Amino acid sequence: LSLLLHYAFDWPFSVVFVLGNLPFYWLAVRRMGWEFTIKTF
């Protein structure tokens, strides 16, 4: 999805990738734990 937005709008992949993943960290903390979430971030 981040690559697609990069191609469509010429936004930097890294910025879109980091921001696009922000909503999923809540699930990661609740279901997978802090260690997993920090490593994933």
PDB file of all heavy atoms in Angstrom:
ATOM      1  N   LEU A   1       0.834  -1.197   0.000  1.00  0.00           N
ATOM      2  CA  LEU A   1       0.000   0.000   0.000  1.00  0.00           C
ATOM      3  C   LEU A   1       0.874   1.253   0.000  1.00  0.00           C
ATOM      4  O   LEU A   1       0.591   2.218  -0.708  1.00  0.00           O
ATOM      5  CB  LEU A   1      -0.943  -0.005   1.205  1.00  0.00           C
ATOM      6  CG  LEU A   1      -1.894   1.176   1.330  1.00  0.00           C
ATOM      7  CD1 LEU A   1      -2.782   1.318   0.096  1.00  0.00           C
ATOM      8  CD2 LEU A   1      -2.738   1.032   2.592  1.00  0.00           C
ATOM      9  N   SER A   2       1.966   1.217   0.755  1.00  0.00           N
ATOM     10  CA  SER A   2       2.889   2.358   0.796  1.00  0.00           C
ATOM     11  C   SER A   2       3.559   2.582  -0.551  1.00  0.00           C
ATOM     12  O   SER A   2       3.723   3.723  -0.994  1.00  0.00           O
ATOM     13  CB  SER A   2       3.949   2.135   1.883  1.00  0.00           C
ATOM     14  OG  SER A   2       3.336   2.017   3.144  1.00  0.00           O
ATOM     15  N   LEU A   3       3.958   1.487  -1.224  1.00  0.00           N
ATOM     16  CA  LEU A   3       4.534   1.622  -2.566  1.00  0.00           C
ATOM     17  C   LEU A   3       3.507   2.209  -3.536  1.00  0.00           C
ATOM     18  O   LEU A   3       3.834   3.076  -4.345  1.00  0.00           O
ATOM     19  CB  LEU A   3       5.031   0.272  -3.082  1.00  0.00           C
ATOM     20  CG  LEU A   3       6.370  -0.219  -2.549  1.00  0.00           C
ATOM     21  CD1 LEU A   3       6.615  -1.659  -2.971  1.00  0.00           C
ATOM     22  CD2 LEU A   3       7.511   0.678  -2.999  1.00  0.00           C
ATOM     23  N   LEU A   4       2.272   1.740  -3.447  1.00  0.00           N
ATOM     24  CA  LEU A   4       1.227   2.230  -4.342  1.00  0.00           C
ATOM     25  C   LEU A   4       1.003   3.733  -4.143  1.00  0.00           C
ATOM     26  O   LEU A   4       0.896   4.491  -5.116  1.00  0.00           O
ATOM     27  CB  LEU A   4      -0.067   1.454  -4.118  1.00  0.00           C
ATOM     28  CG  LEU A   4      -1.205   1.735  -5.090  1.00  0.00           C
ATOM     29  CD1 LEU A   4      -0.799   1.427  -6.525  1.00  0.00           C
ATOM     30  CD2 LEU A   4      -2.436   0.926  -4.703  1.00  0.00           C
ATOM     31  N   LEU A   5       0.961   4.178  -2.896  1.00  0.00           N
ATOM     32  CA  LEU A   5       0.808   5.605  -2.614  1.00  0.00           C
ATOM     33  C   LEU A   5       2.044   6.390  -3.066  1.00  0.00           C
ATOM     34  O   LEU A   5       1.931   7.524  -3.537  1.00  0.00           O
ATOM     35  CB  LEU A   5       0.532   5.835  -1.129  1.00  0.00           C
ATOM     36  CG  LEU A   5      -0.833   5.321  -0.647  1.00  0.00           C
ATOM     37  CD1 LEU A   5      -0.922   5.382   0.873  1.00  0.00           C
ATOM     38  CD2 LEU A   5      -1.967   6.082  -1.300  1.00  0.00           C
ATOM     39  N   HIS A   6       3.202   5.778  -2.952  1.00  0.00           N
ATOM     40  CA  HIS A   6       4.435   6.395  -3.452  1.00  0.00           C
ATOM     41  C   HIS A   6       4.357   6.600  -4.967  1.00  0.00           C
ATOM     42  O   HIS A   6       4.678   7.672  -5.474  1.00  0.00           O
ATOM     43  CB  HIS A   6       5.637   5.530  -3.085  1.00  0.00           C
ATOM     44  CG  HIS A   6       6.898   5.862  -3.806  1.00  0.00           C
ATOM     45  ND1 HIS A   6       7.593   7.029  -3.570  1.00  0.00           N
ATOM     46  CD2 HIS A   6       7.571   5.191  -4.758  1.00  0.00           C
ATOM     47  CE1 HIS A   6       8.666   7.054  -4.359  1.00  0.00           C
ATOM     48  NE2 HIS A   6       8.671   5.948  -5.090  1.00  0.00           N
ATOM     49  N   TYR A   7       3.911   5.571  -5.686  1.00  0.00           N
ATOM     50  CA  TYR A   7       3.791   5.677  -7.141  1.00  0.00           C
ATOM     51  C   TYR A   7       2.715   6.696  -7.537  1.00  0.00           C
ATOM     52  O   TYR A   7       2.898   7.468  -8.467  1.00  0.00           O
ATOM     53  CB  TYR A   7       3.435   4.326  -7.778  1.00  0.00           C
ATOM     54  CG  TYR A   7       4.417   3.218  -7.519  1.00  0.00           C
ATOM     55  CD1 TYR A   7       3.978   1.899  -7.408  1.00  0.00           C
ATOM     56  CD2 TYR A   7       5.783   3.454  -7.389  1.00  0.00           C
ATOM     57  CE1 TYR A   7       4.864   0.870  -7.178  1.00  0.00           C
ATOM     58  CE2 TYR A   7       6.666   2.422  -7.152  1.00  0.00           C
ATOM     59  CZ  TYR A   7       6.203   1.127  -7.048  1.00  0.00           C
ATOM     60  OH  TYR A   7       7.085   0.097  -6.824  1.00  0.00           O
ATOM     61  N   ALA A   8       1.602   6.693  -6.829  1.00  0.00           N
ATOM     62  CA  ALA A   8       0.475   7.553  -7.200  1.00  0.00           C
ATOM     63  C   ALA A   8       0.727   9.023  -6.890  1.00  0.00           C
ATOM     64  O   ALA A   8       0.326   9.893  -7.666  1.00  0.00           O
ATOM     65  CB  ALA A   8      -0.800   7.088  -6.481  1.00  0.00           C
ATOM     66  N   PHE A   9       1.384   9.312  -5.757  1.00  0.00           N
ATOM     67  CA  PHE A   9       1.513  10.698  -5.307  1.00  0.00           C
ATOM     68  C   PHE A   9       2.952  11.171  -5.145  1.00  0.00           C
ATOM     69  O   PHE A   9       3.185  12.295  -4.730  1.00  0.00           O
ATOM     70  CB  PHE A   9       0.771  10.889  -3.978  1.00  0.00           C
ATOM     71  CG  PHE A   9      -0.685  10.549  -4.071  1.00  0.00           C
ATOM     72  CD1 PHE A   9      -1.173   9.393  -3.484  1.00  0.00           C
ATOM     73  CD2 PHE A   9      -1.566  11.384  -4.752  1.00  0.00           C
ATOM     74  CE1 PHE A   9      -2.522   9.071  -3.560  1.00  0.00           C
ATOM     75  CE2 PHE A   9      -2.908  11.071  -4.830  1.00  0.00           C
ATOM     76  CZ  PHE A   9      -3.391   9.905  -4.245  1.00  0.00           C
ATOM     77  N   ASP A  10       3.918  10.295  -5.426  1.00  0.00           N
ATOM     78  CA  ASP A  10       5.338  10.608  -5.300  1.00  0.00           C
ATOM     79  C   ASP A  10       5.718  10.989  -3.869  1.00  0.00           C
ATOM     80  O   ASP A  10       6.620  11.785  -3.643  1.00  0.00           O
ATOM     81  CB  ASP A  10       5.758  11.713  -6.288  1.00  0.00           C
ATOM     82  CG  ASP A  10       7.261  11.714  -6.522  1.00  0.00           C
ATOM     83  OD1 ASP A  10       7.885  10.638  -6.427  1.00  0.00           O
ATOM     84  OD2 ASP A  10       7.815  12.800  -6.779  1.00  0.00           O
ATOM     85  N   TRP A  11       5.026  10.410  -2.898  1.00  0.00           N
ATOM     86  CA  TRP A  11       5.386  10.597  -1.499  1.00  0.00           C
ATOM     87  C   TRP A  11       6.546   9.662  -1.175  1.00  0.00           C
ATOM     88  O   TRP A  11       6.622   8.567  -1.732  1.00  0.00           O
ATOM     89  CB  TRP A  11       4.212  10.285  -0.589  1.00  0.00           C
ATOM     90  CG  TRP A  11       3.038  11.209  -0.729  1.00  0.00           C
ATOM     91  CD1 TRP A  11       3.042  12.493  -1.204  1.00  0.00           C
ATOM     92  CD2 TRP A  11       1.682  10.918  -0.388  1.00  0.00           C
ATOM     93  NE1 TRP A  11       1.776  13.017  -1.174  1.00  0.00           N
ATOM     94  CE2 TRP A  11       0.913  12.064  -0.675  1.00  0.00           C
ATOM     95  CE3 TRP A  11       1.041   9.811   0.131  1.00  0.00           C
ATOM     96  CZ2 TRP A  11      -0.451  12.128  -0.456  1.00  0.00           C
ATOM     97  CZ3 TRP A  11      -0.317   9.864   0.355  1.00  0.00           C
ATOM     98  CH2 TRP A  11      -1.056  11.023   0.059  1.00  0.00           C
ATOM     99  N   PRO A  12       7.428  10.028  -0.252  1.00  0.00           N
ATOM    100  CA  PRO A  12       8.527   9.127   0.118  1.00  0.00           C
ATOM    101  C   PRO A  12       7.987   7.825   0.710  1.00  0.00           C
ATOM    102  O   PRO A  12       7.153   7.845   1.613  1.00  0.00           O
ATOM    103  CB  PRO A  12       9.323   9.912   1.163  1.00  0.00           C
ATOM    104  CG  PRO A  12       8.884  11.329   1.018  1.00  0.00           C
ATOM    105  CD  PRO A  12       7.492  11.300   0.462  1.00  0.00           C
ATOM    106  N   PHE A  13       8.488   6.705   0.188  1.00  0.00           N
ATOM    107  CA  PHE A  13       8.030   5.399   0.661  1.00  0.00           C
ATOM    108  C   PHE A  13       8.183   5.269   2.171  1.00  0.00           C
ATOM    109  O   PHE A  13       7.261   4.829   2.855  1.00  0.00           O
ATOM    110  CB  PHE A  13       8.804   4.276  -0.048  1.00  0.00           C
ATOM    111  CG  PHE A  13       8.598   2.931   0.583  1.00  0.00           C
ATOM    112  CD1 PHE A  13       7.430   2.231   0.367  1.00  0.00           C
ATOM    113  CD2 PHE A  13       9.564   2.381   1.410  1.00  0.00           C
ATOM    114  CE1 PHE A  13       7.214   0.994   0.961  1.00  0.00           C
ATOM    115  CE2 PHE A  13       9.368   1.150   2.003  1.00  0.00           C
ATOM    116  CZ  PHE A  13       8.192   0.448   1.782  1.00  0.00           C
ATOM    117  N   SER A  14       9.343   5.649   2.696  1.00  0.00           N
ATOM    118  CA  SER A  14       9.604   5.446   4.123  1.00  0.00           C
ATOM    119  C   SER A  14       8.598   6.182   5.009  1.00  0.00           C
ATOM    120  O   SER A  14       8.128   5.635   6.005  1.00  0.00           O
ATOM    121  CB  SER A  14      11.032   5.880   4.471  1.00  0.00           C
ATOM    122  OG  SER A  14      11.245   7.225   4.105  1.00  0.00           O
ATOM    123  N   VAL A  15       8.242   7.396   4.637  1.00  0.00           N
ATOM    124  CA  VAL A  15       7.300   8.192   5.438  1.00  0.00           C
ATOM    125  C   VAL A  15       5.912   7.546   5.402  1.00  0.00           C
ATOM    126  O   VAL A  15       5.257   7.373   6.443  1.00  0.00           O
ATOM    127  CB  VAL A  15       7.250   9.650   4.941  1.00  0.00           C
ATOM    128  CG1 VAL A  15       6.160  10.436   5.646  1.00  0.00           C
ATOM    129  CG2 VAL A  15       8.607  10.316   5.124  1.00  0.00           C
ATOM    130  N   VAL A  16       5.459   7.182   4.217  1.00  0.00           N
ATOM    131  CA  VAL A  16       4.139   6.554   4.074  1.00  0.00           C
ATOM    132  C   VAL A  16       4.106   5.223   4.820  1.00  0.00           C
ATOM    133  O   VAL A  16       3.123   4.896   5.501  1.00  0.00           O
ATOM    134  CB  VAL A  16       3.788   6.354   2.580  1.00  0.00           C
ATOM    135  CG1 VAL A  16       2.471   5.624   2.421  1.00  0.00           C
ATOM    136  CG2 VAL A  16       3.765   7.690   1.855  1.00  0.00           C
ATOM    137  N   PHE A  17       5.191   4.464   4.731  1.00  0.00           N
ATOM    138  CA  PHE A  17       5.276   3.152   5.379  1.00  0.00           C
ATOM    139  C   PHE A  17       5.190   3.283   6.901  1.00  0.00           C
ATOM    140  O   PHE A  17       4.433   2.552   7.553  1.00  0.00           O
ATOM    141  CB  PHE A  17       6.580   2.485   4.949  1.00  0.00           C
ATOM    142  CG  PHE A  17       6.707   1.033   5.298  1.00  0.00           C
ATOM    143  CD1 PHE A  17       5.641   0.155   5.194  1.00  0.00           C
ATOM    144  CD2 PHE A  17       7.927   0.538   5.702  1.00  0.00           C
ATOM    145  CE1 PHE A  17       5.777  -1.180   5.501  1.00  0.00           C
ATOM    146  CE2 PHE A  17       8.078  -0.810   6.011  1.00  0.00           C
ATOM    147  CZ  PHE A  17       7.003  -1.670   5.911  1.00  0.00           C
ATOM    148  N   VAL A  18       5.939   4.208   7.466  1.00  0.00           N
ATOM    149  CA  VAL A  18       5.918   4.393   8.921  1.00  0.00           C
ATOM    150  C   VAL A  18       4.551   4.898   9.377  1.00  0.00           C
ATOM    151  O   VAL A  18       3.958   4.364  10.320  1.00  0.00           O
ATOM    152  CB  VAL A  18       7.051   5.346   9.370  1.00  0.00           C
ATOM    153  CG1 VAL A  18       6.876   5.758  10.824  1.00  0.00           C
ATOM    154  CG2 VAL A  18       8.409   4.687   9.172  1.00  0.00           C
ATOM    155  N   LEU A  19       4.025   5.923   8.720  1.00  0.00           N
ATOM    156  CA  LEU A  19       2.732   6.486   9.124  1.00  0.00           C
ATOM    157  C   LEU A  19       1.577   5.510   8.910  1.00  0.00           C
ATOM    158  O   LEU A  19       0.660   5.434   9.725  1.00  0.00           O
ATOM    159  CB  LEU A  19       2.464   7.792   8.373  1.00  0.00           C
ATOM    160  CG  LEU A  19       3.395   8.956   8.699  1.00  0.00           C
ATOM    161  CD1 LEU A  19       3.058  10.172   7.837  1.00  0.00           C
ATOM    162  CD2 LEU A  19       3.351   9.308  10.182  1.00  0.00           C
ATOM    163  N   GLY A  20       1.621   4.756   7.826  1.00  0.00           N
ATOM    164  CA  GLY A  20       0.558   3.796   7.536  1.00  0.00           C
ATOM    165  C   GLY A  20       0.459   2.674   8.548  1.00  0.00           C
ATOM    166  O   GLY A  20      -0.606   2.079   8.734  1.00  0.00           O
ATOM    167  N   ASN A  21       1.564   2.387   9.209  1.00  0.00           N
ATOM    168  CA  ASN A  21       1.576   1.310  10.191  1.00  0.00           C
ATOM    169  C   ASN A  21       1.177   1.756  11.591  1.00  0.00           C
ATOM    170  O   ASN A  21       0.937   0.915  12.455  1.00  0.00           O
ATOM    171  CB  ASN A  21       2.962   0.656  10.226  1.00  0.00           C
ATOM    172  CG  ASN A  21       3.104  -0.378   9.160  1.00  0.00           C
ATOM    173  OD1 ASN A  21       2.446  -1.405   9.182  1.00  0.00           O
ATOM    174  ND2 ASN A  21       3.955  -0.100   8.181  1.00  0.00           N
ATOM    175  N   LEU A  22       1.099   3.060  11.836  1.00  0.00           N
ATOM    176  CA  LEU A  22       0.794   3.546  13.185  1.00  0.00           C
ATOM    177  C   LEU A  22      -0.472   2.938  13.795  1.00  0.00           C
ATOM    178  O   LEU A  22      -0.455   2.554  14.965  1.00  0.00           O
ATOM    179  CB  LEU A  22       0.723   5.077  13.195  1.00  0.00           C
ATOM    180  CG  LEU A  22       2.051   5.804  13.017  1.00  0.00           C
ATOM    181  CD1 LEU A  22       1.826   7.315  12.979  1.00  0.00           C
ATOM    182  CD2 LEU A  22       3.050   5.433  14.098  1.00  0.00           C
ATOM    183  N   PRO A  23      -1.581   2.820  13.052  1.00  0.00           N
ATOM    184  CA  PRO A  23      -2.791   2.269  13.683  1.00  0.00           C
ATOM    185  C   PRO A  23      -2.656   0.818  14.153  1.00  0.00           C
ATOM    186  O   PRO A  23      -3.393   0.388  15.036  1.00  0.00           O
ATOM    187  CB  PRO A  23      -3.848   2.359  12.570  1.00  0.00           C
ATOM    188  CG  PRO A  23      -3.325   3.344  11.600  1.00  0.00           C
ATOM    189  CD  PRO A  23      -1.831   3.280  11.687  1.00  0.00           C
ATOM    190  N   PHE A  24      -1.712   0.094  13.624  1.00  0.00           N
ATOM    191  CA  PHE A  24      -1.599  -1.326  13.955  1.00  0.00           C
ATOM    192  C   PHE A  24      -0.763  -1.587  15.206  1.00  0.00           C
ATOM    193  O   PHE A  24      -0.744  -2.708  15.710  1.00  0.00           O
ATOM    194  CB  PHE A  24      -1.026  -2.100  12.767  1.00  0.00           C
ATOM    195  CG  PHE A  24      -1.959  -2.129  11.600  1.00  0.00           C
ATOM    196  CD1 PHE A  24      -1.839  -1.198  10.589  1.00  0.00           C
ATOM    197  CD2 PHE A  24      -2.972  -3.069  11.525  1.00  0.00           C
ATOM    198  CE1 PHE A  24      -2.714  -1.202   9.509  1.00  0.00           C
ATOM    199  CE2 PHE A  24      -3.849  -3.086  10.451  1.00  0.00           C
ATOM    200  CZ  PHE A  24      -3.717  -2.152   9.443  1.00  0.00           C
ATOM    201  N   TYR A  25      -0.084  -0.581  15.707  1.00  0.00           N
ATOM    202  CA  TYR A  25       0.731  -0.794  16.902  1.00  0.00           C
ATOM    203  C   TYR A  25      -0.121  -1.069  18.131  1.00  0.00           C
ATOM    204  O   TYR A  25       0.294  -1.785  19.036  1.00  0.00           O
ATOM    205  CB  TYR A  25       1.677   0.390  17.136  1.00  0.00           C
ATOM    206  CG  TYR A  25       2.745   0.476  16.081  1.00  0.00           C
ATOM    207  CD1 TYR A  25       2.918   1.635  15.335  1.00  0.00           C
ATOM    208  CD2 TYR A  25       3.565  -0.606  15.810  1.00  0.00           C
ATOM    209  CE1 TYR A  25       3.892   1.706  14.354  1.00  0.00           C
ATOM    210  CE2 TYR A  25       4.532  -0.540  14.825  1.00  0.00           C
ATOM    211  CZ  TYR A  25       4.690   0.617  14.102  1.00  0.00           C
ATOM    212  OH  TYR A  25       5.648   0.683  13.131  1.00  0.00           O
ATOM    213  N   TRP A  26      -1.319  -0.512  18.165  1.00  0.00           N
ATOM    214  CA  TRP A  26      -2.233  -0.794  19.290  1.00  0.00           C
ATOM    215  C   TRP A  26      -2.532  -2.295  19.357  1.00  0.00           C
ATOM    216  O   TRP A  26      -2.455  -2.899  20.423  1.00  0.00           O
ATOM    217  CB  TRP A  26      -3.517   0.020  19.120  1.00  0.00           C
ATOM    218  CG  TRP A  26      -4.516  -0.215  20.198  1.00  0.00           C
ATOM    219  CD1 TRP A  26      -4.530   0.321  21.445  1.00  0.00           C
ATOM    220  CD2 TRP A  26      -5.659  -1.063  20.117  1.00  0.00           C
ATOM    221  NE1 TRP A  26      -5.614  -0.139  22.163  1.00  0.00           N
ATOM    222  CE2 TRP A  26      -6.325  -1.008  21.360  1.00  0.00           C
ATOM    223  CE3 TRP A  26      -6.192  -1.875  19.129  1.00  0.00           C
ATOM    224  CZ2 TRP A  26      -7.474  -1.714  21.632  1.00  0.00           C
ATOM    225  CZ3 TRP A  26      -7.344  -2.591  19.391  1.00  0.00           C
ATOM    226  CH2 TRP A  26      -7.973  -2.502  20.639  1.00  0.00           C
ATOM    227  N   LEU A  27      -2.866  -2.887  18.216  1.00  0.00           N
ATOM    228  CA  LEU A  27      -3.117  -4.336  18.163  1.00  0.00           C
ATOM    229  C   LEU A  27      -1.853  -5.099  18.530  1.00  0.00           C
ATOM    230  O   LEU A  27      -1.911  -6.094  19.265  1.00  0.00           O
ATOM    231  CB  LEU A  27      -3.604  -4.748  16.767  1.00  0.00           C
ATOM    232  CG  LEU A  27      -3.803  -6.246  16.539  1.00  0.00           C
ATOM    233  CD1 LEU A  27      -4.889  -6.799  17.462  1.00  0.00           C
ATOM    234  CD2 LEU A  27      -4.144  -6.515  15.088  1.00  0.00           C
ATOM    235  N   ALA A  28      -0.726  -4.627  18.049  1.00  0.00           N
ATOM    236  CA  ALA A  28       0.531  -5.309  18.344  1.00  0.00           C
ATOM    237  C   ALA A  28       0.819  -5.320  19.843  1.00  0.00           C
ATOM    238  O   ALA A  28       1.181  -6.359  20.403  1.00  0.00           O
ATOM    239  CB  ALA A  28       1.676  -4.647  17.587  1.00  0.00           C
ATOM    240  N   VAL A  29       0.640  -4.191  20.504  1.00  0.00           N
ATOM    241  CA  VAL A  29       0.889  -4.129  21.950  1.00  0.00           C
ATOM    242  C   VAL A  29      -0.082  -5.031  22.692  1.00  0.00           C
ATOM    243  O   VAL A  29       0.308  -5.814  23.560  1.00  0.00           O
ATOM    244  CB  VAL A  29       0.793  -2.675  22.478  1.00  0.00           C
ATOM    245  CG1 VAL A  29       0.784  -2.650  24.002  1.00  0.00           C
ATOM    246  CG2 VAL A  29       1.938  -1.842  21.946  1.00  0.00           C
ATOM    247  N   ARG A  30      -1.358  -4.937  22.352  1.00  0.00           N
ATOM    248  CA  ARG A  30      -2.388  -5.701  23.073  1.00  0.00           C
ATOM    249  C   ARG A  30      -2.283  -7.205  22.844  1.00  0.00           C
ATOM    250  O   ARG A  30      -2.525  -7.982  23.758  1.00  0.00           O
ATOM    251  CB  ARG A  30      -3.781  -5.224  22.675  1.00  0.00           C
ATOM    252  CG  ARG A  30      -4.090  -3.825  23.174  1.00  0.00           C
ATOM    253  CD  ARG A  30      -5.500  -3.392  22.843  1.00  0.00           C
ATOM    254  NE  ARG A  30      -6.514  -4.352  23.209  1.00  0.00           N
ATOM    255  CZ  ARG A  30      -7.177  -4.376  24.372  1.00  0.00           C
ATOM    256  NH1 ARG A  30      -6.913  -3.467  25.274  1.00  0.00           N
ATOM    257  NH2 ARG A  30      -8.097  -5.280  24.594  1.00  0.00           N
ATOM    258  N   ARG A  31      -1.942  -7.618  21.632  1.00  0.00           N
ATOM    259  CA  ARG A  31      -1.984  -9.042  21.288  1.00  0.00           C
ATOM    260  C   ARG A  31      -0.619  -9.707  21.219  1.00  0.00           C
ATOM    261  O   ARG A  31      -0.516 -10.910  21.420  1.00  0.00           O
ATOM    262  CB  ARG A  31      -2.699  -9.237  19.956  1.00  0.00           C
ATOM    263  CG  ARG A  31      -4.118  -8.759  19.951  1.00  0.00           C
ATOM    264  CD  ARG A  31      -4.939  -9.533  20.922  1.00  0.00           C
ATOM    265  NE  ARG A  31      -6.331  -9.117  20.834  1.00  0.00           N
ATOM    266  CZ  ARG A  31      -7.281  -9.576  21.600  1.00  0.00           C
ATOM    267  NH1 ARG A  31      -7.012 -10.450  22.523  1.00  0.00           N
ATOM    268  NH2 ARG A  31      -8.512  -9.134  21.464  1.00  0.00           N
ATOM    269  N   MET A  32       0.417  -8.928  20.890  1.00  0.00           N
ATOM    270  CA  MET A  32       1.722  -9.529  20.657  1.00  0.00           C
ATOM    271  C   MET A  32       2.757  -9.126  21.713  1.00  0.00           C
ATOM    272  O   MET A  32       3.805  -9.725  21.792  1.00  0.00           O
ATOM    273  CB  MET A  32       2.242  -9.145  19.269  1.00  0.00           C
ATOM    274  CG  MET A  32       1.255  -9.382  18.136  1.00  0.00           C
ATOM    275  SD  MET A  32       0.782 -11.101  17.922  1.00  0.00           S
ATOM    276  CE  MET A  32       2.263 -11.730  17.196  1.00  0.00           C
ATOM    277  N   GLY A  33       2.467  -8.065  22.484  1.00  0.00           N
ATOM    278  CA  GLY A  33       3.374  -7.637  23.544  1.00  0.00           C
ATOM    279  C   GLY A  33       4.298  -6.506  23.123  1.00  0.00           C
ATOM    280  O   GLY A  33       4.437  -6.176  21.950  1.00  0.00           O
ATOM    281  N   TRP A  34       4.923  -5.916  24.149  1.00  0.00           N
ATOM    282  CA  TRP A  34       5.802  -4.771  23.917  1.00  0.00           C
ATOM    283  C   TRP A  34       7.057  -5.144  23.134  1.00  0.00           C
ATOM    284  O   TRP A  34       7.524  -4.377  22.299  1.00  0.00           O
ATOM    285  CB  TRP A  34       6.178  -4.115  25.237  1.00  0.00           C
ATOM    286  CG  TRP A  34       5.104  -3.202  25.734  1.00  0.00           C
ATOM    287  CD1 TRP A  34       4.212  -3.455  26.745  1.00  0.00           C
ATOM    288  CD2 TRP A  34       4.783  -1.911  25.216  1.00  0.00           C
ATOM    289  NE1 TRP A  34       3.350  -2.390  26.887  1.00  0.00           N
ATOM    290  CE2 TRP A  34       3.689  -1.418  25.954  1.00  0.00           C
ATOM    291  CE3 TRP A  34       5.304  -1.121  24.202  1.00  0.00           C
ATOM    292  CZ2 TRP A  34       3.119  -0.177  25.725  1.00  0.00           C
ATOM    293  CZ3 TRP A  34       4.734   0.125  23.960  1.00  0.00           C
ATOM    294  CH2 TRP A  34       3.660   0.575  24.721  1.00  0.00           C
ATOM    295  N   GLU A  35       7.644  -6.292  23.437  1.00  0.00           N
ATOM    296  CA  GLU A  35       8.869  -6.695  22.733  1.00  0.00           C
ATOM    297  C   GLU A  35       8.622  -6.753  21.235  1.00  0.00           C
ATOM    298  O   GLU A  35       9.376  -6.187  20.441  1.00  0.00           O
ATOM    299  CB  GLU A  35       9.362  -8.059  23.237  1.00  0.00           C
ATOM    300  CG  GLU A  35      10.577  -8.561  22.483  1.00  0.00           C
ATOM    301  CD  GLU A  35      10.942  -9.996  22.828  1.00  0.00           C
ATOM    302  OE1 GLU A  35      10.372 -10.578  23.777  1.00  0.00           O
ATOM    303  OE2 GLU A  35      11.795 -10.549  22.121  1.00  0.00           O
ATOM    304  N   PHE A  36       7.559  -7.448  20.827  1.00  0.00           N
ATOM    305  CA  PHE A  36       7.206  -7.555  19.413  1.00  0.00           C
ATOM    306  C   PHE A  36       6.958  -6.169  18.817  1.00  0.00           C
ATOM    307  O   PHE A  36       7.428  -5.863  17.721  1.00  0.00           O
ATOM    308  CB  PHE A  36       5.956  -8.435  19.257  1.00  0.00           C
ATOM    309  CG  PHE A  36       5.435  -8.515  17.851  1.00  0.00           C
ATOM    310  CD1 PHE A  36       5.904  -9.477  16.983  1.00  0.00           C
ATOM    311  CD2 PHE A  36       4.475  -7.619  17.396  1.00  0.00           C
ATOM    312  CE1 PHE A  36       5.426  -9.551  15.677  1.00  0.00           C
ATOM    313  CE2 PHE A  36       3.993  -7.677  16.098  1.00  0.00           C
ATOM    314  CZ  PHE A  36       4.470  -8.654  15.240  1.00  0.00           C
ATOM    315  N   THR A  37       6.210  -5.326  19.526  1.00  0.00           N
ATOM    316  CA  THR A  37       5.838  -4.009  19.008  1.00  0.00           C
ATOM    317  C   THR A  37       7.059  -3.120  18.809  1.00  0.00           C
ATOM    318  O   THR A  37       7.191  -2.463  17.771  1.00  0.00           O
ATOM    319  CB  THR A  37       4.833  -3.336  19.952  1.00  0.00           C
ATOM    320  OG1 THR A  37       3.707  -4.210  20.128  1.00  0.00           O
ATOM    321  CG2 THR A  37       4.357  -2.007  19.396  1.00  0.00           C
ATOM    322  N   ILE A  38       7.958  -3.109  19.775  1.00  0.00           N
ATOM    323  CA  ILE A  38       9.164  -2.279  19.649  1.00  0.00           C
ATOM    324  C   ILE A  38      10.035  -2.777  18.501  1.00  0.00           C
ATOM    325  O   ILE A  38      10.518  -1.987  17.684  1.00  0.00           O
ATOM    326  CB  ILE A  38       9.932  -2.236  20.984  1.00  0.00           C
ATOM    327  CG1 ILE A  38       9.117  -1.448  22.022  1.00  0.00           C
ATOM    328  CG2 ILE A  38      11.325  -1.633  20.796  1.00  0.00           C
ATOM    329  CD1 ILE A  38       9.614  -1.592  23.440  1.00  0.00           C
ATOM    330  N   LYS A  39      10.221  -4.099  18.415  1.00  0.00           N
ATOM    331  CA  LYS A  39      11.018  -4.651  17.316  1.00  0.00           C
ATOM    332  C   LYS A  39      10.382  -4.315  15.969  1.00  0.00           C
ATOM    333  O   LYS A  39      11.074  -3.985  15.007  1.00  0.00           O
ATOM    334  CB  LYS A  39      11.145  -6.167  17.450  1.00  0.00           C
ATOM    335  CG  LYS A  39      12.077  -6.629  18.527  1.00  0.00           C
ATOM    336  CD  LYS A  39      12.097  -8.152  18.537  1.00  0.00           C
ATOM    337  CE  LYS A  39      12.988  -8.716  19.601  1.00  0.00           C
ATOM    338  NZ  LYS A  39      12.964 -10.196  19.568  1.00  0.00           N
ATOM    339  N   THR A  40       9.061  -4.401  15.901  1.00  0.00           N
ATOM    340  CA  THR A  40       8.352  -4.111  14.658  1.00  0.00           C
ATOM    341  C   THR A  40       8.467  -2.645  14.285  1.00  0.00           C
ATOM    342  O   THR A  40       8.702  -2.302  13.115  1.00  0.00           O
ATOM    343  CB  THR A  40       6.881  -4.543  14.775  1.00  0.00           C
ATOM    344  OG1 THR A  40       6.851  -5.968  14.952  1.00  0.00           O
ATOM    345  CG2 THR A  40       6.084  -4.161  13.547  1.00  0.00           C
ATOM    346  N   PHE A  41       8.324  -1.757  15.248  1.00  0.00           N
ATOM    347  CA  PHE A  41       8.462  -0.329  14.978  1.00  0.00           C
ATOM    348  C   PHE A  41       9.848  -0.025  14.412  1.00  0.00           C
ATOM    349  O   PHE A  41       9.989   0.682  13.412  1.00  0.00           O
ATOM    350  CB  PHE A  41       8.203   0.487  16.247  1.00  0.00           C
ATOM    351  CG  PHE A  41       8.346   1.964  16.030  1.00  0.00           C
ATOM    352  CD1 PHE A  41       7.321   2.692  15.450  1.00  0.00           C
ATOM    353  CD2 PHE A  41       9.518   2.624  16.392  1.00  0.00           C
ATOM    354  CE1 PHE A  41       7.448   4.058  15.227  1.00  0.00           C
ATOM    355  CE2 PHE A  41       9.661   3.993  16.170  1.00  0.00           C
ATOM    356  CZ  PHE A  41       8.621   4.708  15.593  1.00  0.00           C
TER     357      PHE A  41
END
